[in-house]
Every structure is written in C-alpha cells, then in structure tokens.
C-alpha atoms as a PDB file:
ATOM      1  CA  MET A   1      88.207  27.837  74.730  1.00  0.00           C
ATOM      2  CA  THR A   2      89.633  31.320  74.428  1.00  0.00           C
ATOM      3  CA  ASN A   3      90.579  33.341  71.393  1.00  0.00           C
ATOM      4  CA  ASP A   4      91.107  37.024  70.666  1.00  0.00           C
ATOM      5  CA  VAL A   5      87.365  37.755  70.588  1.00  0.00           C
ATOM      6  CA  THR A   6      86.627  36.034  73.898  1.00  0.00           C
ATOM      7  CA  ASP A   7      89.718  37.656  75.427  1.00  0.00           C
ATOM      8  CA  LEU A   8      88.481  41.105  74.404  1.00  0.00           C
ATOM      9  CA  ILE A   9      85.005  40.403  75.792  1.00  0.00           C
ATOM     10  CA  ALA A  10      86.627  39.279  79.056  1.00  0.00           C
ATOM     11  CA  ALA A  11      88.637  42.518  79.122  1.00  0.00           C
ATOM     12  CA  LEU A  12      85.376  44.459  78.721  1.00  0.00           C
ATOM     13  CA  ARG A  13      83.769  42.581  81.622  1.00  0.00           C
ATOM     14  CA  GLU A  14      86.852  43.112  83.802  1.00  0.00           C
ATOM     15  CA  GLY A  15      86.978  46.808  82.934  1.00  0.00           C
ATOM     16  CA  SER A  16      90.543  46.684  81.618  1.00  0.00           C
ATOM     17  CA  MET A  17      89.348  47.875  78.181  1.00  0.00           C
ATOM     18  CA  SER A  18      86.519  50.176  77.195  1.00  0.00           C
ATOM     19  CA  LEU A  19      83.704  49.317  74.824  1.00  0.00           C
ATOM     20  CA  ASP A  20      85.078  51.890  72.346  1.00  0.00           C
ATOM     21  CA  GLU A  21      88.534  50.255  72.408  1.00  0.00           C
ATOM     22  CA  ILE A  22      87.093  46.821  71.738  1.00  0.00           C
ATOM     23  CA  ALA A  23      84.779  48.098  69.012  1.00  0.00           C
ATOM     24  CA  SER A  24      87.794  49.728  67.360  1.00  0.00           C
ATOM     25  CA  ARG A  25      89.679  46.426  67.446  1.00  0.00           C
ATOM     26  CA  PHE A  26      86.653  44.631  66.002  1.00  0.00           C
ATOM     27  CA  ARG A  27      86.487  47.151  63.123  1.00  0.00           C
ATOM     28  CA  GLU A  28      90.165  46.526  62.302  1.00  0.00           C
ATOM     29  CA  ARG A  29      90.167  42.724  62.271  1.00  0.00           C
ATOM     30  CA  SER A  30      89.075  40.275  59.617  1.00  0.00           C
ATOM     31  CA  TRP A  31      86.096  38.084  60.475  1.00  0.00           C
ATOM     32  CA  PRO A  32      85.520  34.504  59.313  1.00  0.00           C
ATOM     33  CA  ARG A  33      82.526  34.162  57.042  1.00  0.00           C
ATOM     34  CA  ARG A  34      80.038  31.460  56.358  1.00  0.00           C
ATOM     35  CA  ARG A  35      80.162  30.427  52.733  1.00  0.00           C
ATOM     36  CA  ARG A  36      76.799  28.700  52.307  1.00  0.00           C
ATOM     37  CA  PRO A  37      75.099  30.154  49.221  1.00  0.00           C
ATOM     38  CA  ALA A  38      71.881  32.083  49.747  1.00  0.00           C
ATOM     39  CA  PRO A  39      68.697  30.209  48.790  1.00  0.00           C
ATOM     40  CA  GLY A  40      67.385  31.180  45.379  1.00  0.00           C
ATOM     41  CA  SER A  41      63.791  29.939  45.717  1.00  0.00           C
ATOM     42  CA  TYR A  42      61.154  29.176  48.325  1.00  0.00           C
ATOM     43  CA  LEU A  43      61.913  25.470  47.964  1.00  0.00           C
ATOM     44  CA  GLU A  44      65.608  26.105  48.677  1.00  0.00           C
ATOM     45  CA  MET A  45      64.661  28.268  51.681  1.00  0.00           C
ATOM     46  CA  ALA A  46      62.485  25.442  53.041  1.00  0.00           C
ATOM     47  CA  GLU A  47      65.307  22.949  52.537  1.00  0.00           C
ATOM     48  CA  ALA A  48      67.792  25.274  54.250  1.00  0.00           C
ATOM     49  CA  ALA A  49      65.456  25.645  57.229  1.00  0.00           C
ATOM     50  CA  GLN A  50      65.675  21.892  57.760  1.00  0.00           C
ATOM     51  CA  ASP A  51      69.480  21.791  57.667  1.00  0.00           C
ATOM     52  CA  ASP A  52      71.540  21.587  60.821  1.00  0.00           C
ATOM     53  CA  PRO A  53      73.072  24.905  61.831  1.00  0.00           C
ATOM     54  CA  GLU A  54      76.622  25.494  60.719  1.00  0.00           C
ATOM     55  CA  PRO A  55      79.256  24.577  63.306  1.00  0.00           C
ATOM     56  CA  TYR A  56      80.667  27.039  65.813  1.00  0.00           C
ATOM     57  CA  VAL A  57      83.593  29.028  64.437  1.00  0.00           C
ATOM     58  CA  PRO A  58      86.056  30.184  67.131  1.00  0.00           C
ATOM     59  CA  GLY A  59      87.062  33.836  66.815  1.00  0.00           C
ATOM     60  CA  SER A  60      83.932  34.682  64.846  1.00  0.00           C
ATOM     61  CA  PHE A  61      80.734  36.595  65.513  1.00  0.00           C
ATOM     62  CA  ASP A  62      79.568  33.356  67.183  1.00  0.00           C
ATOM     63  CA  ASP A  63      81.603  34.386  70.247  1.00  0.00           C
ATOM     64  CA  ILE A  64      79.855  37.750  70.462  1.00  0.00           C
ATOM     65  CA  ALA A  65      76.420  36.158  70.116  1.00  0.00           C
ATOM     66  CA  ALA A  66      77.305  33.565  72.772  1.00  0.00           C
ATOM     67  CA  ALA A  67      78.523  36.268  75.176  1.00  0.00           C
ATOM     68  CA  HIS A  68      75.241  38.103  74.723  1.00  0.00           C
ATOM     69  CA  GLN A  69      73.142  34.966  75.216  1.00  0.00           C
ATOM     70  CA  GLN A  70      75.137  34.167  78.374  1.00  0.00           C
ATOM     71  CA  HIS A  71      74.558  37.729  79.686  1.00  0.00           C
ATOM     72  CA  GLN A  72      78.272  38.528  79.622  1.00  0.00           C
ATOM     73  CA  ILE A  73      77.543  41.652  77.574  1.00  0.00           C
ATOM     74  CA  THR A  74      74.508  43.920  77.638  1.00  0.00           C
ATOM     75  CA  ASP A  75      72.104  44.578  74.788  1.00  0.00           C
ATOM     76  CA  ALA A  76      73.738  47.970  74.237  1.00  0.00           C
ATOM     77  CA  GLU A  77      77.251  46.460  74.162  1.00  0.00           C
ATOM     78  CA  TYR A  78      76.049  43.749  71.784  1.00  0.00           C
ATOM     79  CA  SER A  79      74.648  46.419  69.475  1.00  0.00           C
ATOM     80  CA  VAL A  80      77.923  48.393  69.428  1.00  0.00           C
ATOM     81  CA  LEU A  81      80.042  45.277  68.845  1.00  0.00           C
ATOM     82  CA  SER A  82      77.683  43.948  66.154  1.00  0.00           C
ATOM     83  CA  ASP A  83      77.890  47.272  64.331  1.00  0.00           C
ATOM     84  CA  ALA A  84      81.703  47.157  64.531  1.00  0.00           C
ATOM     85  CA  VAL A  85      81.766  43.661  63.016  1.00  0.00           C
ATOM     86  CA  ALA A  86      79.410  44.766  60.249  1.00  0.00           C
ATOM     87  CA  GLU A  87      81.631  47.795  59.486  1.00  0.00           C
ATOM     88  CA  SER A  88      84.660  45.520  59.266  1.00  0.00           C
ATOM     89  CA  LYS A  89      82.901  43.152  56.869  1.00  0.00           C
ATOM     90  CA  ARG A  90      81.625  46.002  54.690  1.00  0.00           C
ATOM     91  CA  ALA A  91      85.146  47.461  54.486  1.00  0.00           C
ATOM     92  CA  GLU A  92      86.502  44.057  53.512  1.00  0.00           C
ATOM     93  CA  ASP A  93      83.786  43.697  50.850  1.00  0.00           C
ATOM     94  CA  ARG A  94      84.724  47.119  49.429  1.00  0.00           C
ATOM     95  CA  ARG A  95      88.429  46.157  49.311  1.00  0.00           C
ATOM     96  CA  ILE A  96      87.607  42.922  47.496  1.00  0.00           C
ATOM     97  CA  ALA A  97      85.333  44.719  45.030  1.00  0.00           C
ATOM     98  CA  ASP A  98      88.026  47.341  44.380  1.00  0.00           C
ATOM     99  CA  GLU A  99      90.649  44.645  43.787  1.00  0.00           C
ATOM    100  CA  GLU A 100      88.345  42.806  41.392  1.00  0.00           C
ATOM    101  CA  ALA A 101      87.619  46.055  39.533  1.00  0.00           C
ATOM    102  CA  ASP A 102      91.344  46.733  39.244  1.00  0.00           C
ATOM    103  CA  ASP A 103      91.888  43.254  37.756  1.00  0.00           C
ATOM    104  CA  THR A 104      89.465  43.914  34.885  1.00  0.00           C
END
C-alpha cells in the first residue's frame, strides 16, 4: 500500500528527490499520533508491556521505521528523517500550546 510517506521514500531510493528535500517535506506535514496514555506506575508499565502493539498506521512514522527495517533507507537517512518527524511534532505541540494559552 502506498501513501505520501512511502512515495517519498521511493523517490529517495530512485534518486528523484534528495534526502534534504524529503526531510523538508516531513518537517512541514502533520503526523498521526498514538493516543495511548503513558503508564503512571510500574504496574501500569508491566500491563502495557503485555498489550499487543498498536496497529500499523499508514502515512505515519511506521512507514519510515518499516523502510529502515527493510533496508530501503540507511541508518543515516533514518536518523535525518526521524529528526524531521520529531521537529514537525514539536512544532505542532508548540502551536497547540500557544492556541490553548490564547484561549485562557
């Protein structure tokens, strides 16, 4: 199954886009998030460790991790793309925090 993330990774492999171009696109897009609450105690952490993993989310970081595990991208490329996703999420978090602050 293809989506914008897998298409961009394919473009990187084919050489039709540079790593910098793809990282820039990853910084600009919104990424789906997992909404499972963080465990609050050791007992909750143990229970969470026994849970099934959350399902695959197309167009998410899952696609980047899968590409890395399947050796479609190198360790260095994975690092750059992971950093770009993290920057995007931090920027989104700041926007949300600013909007919430403006509402109070």
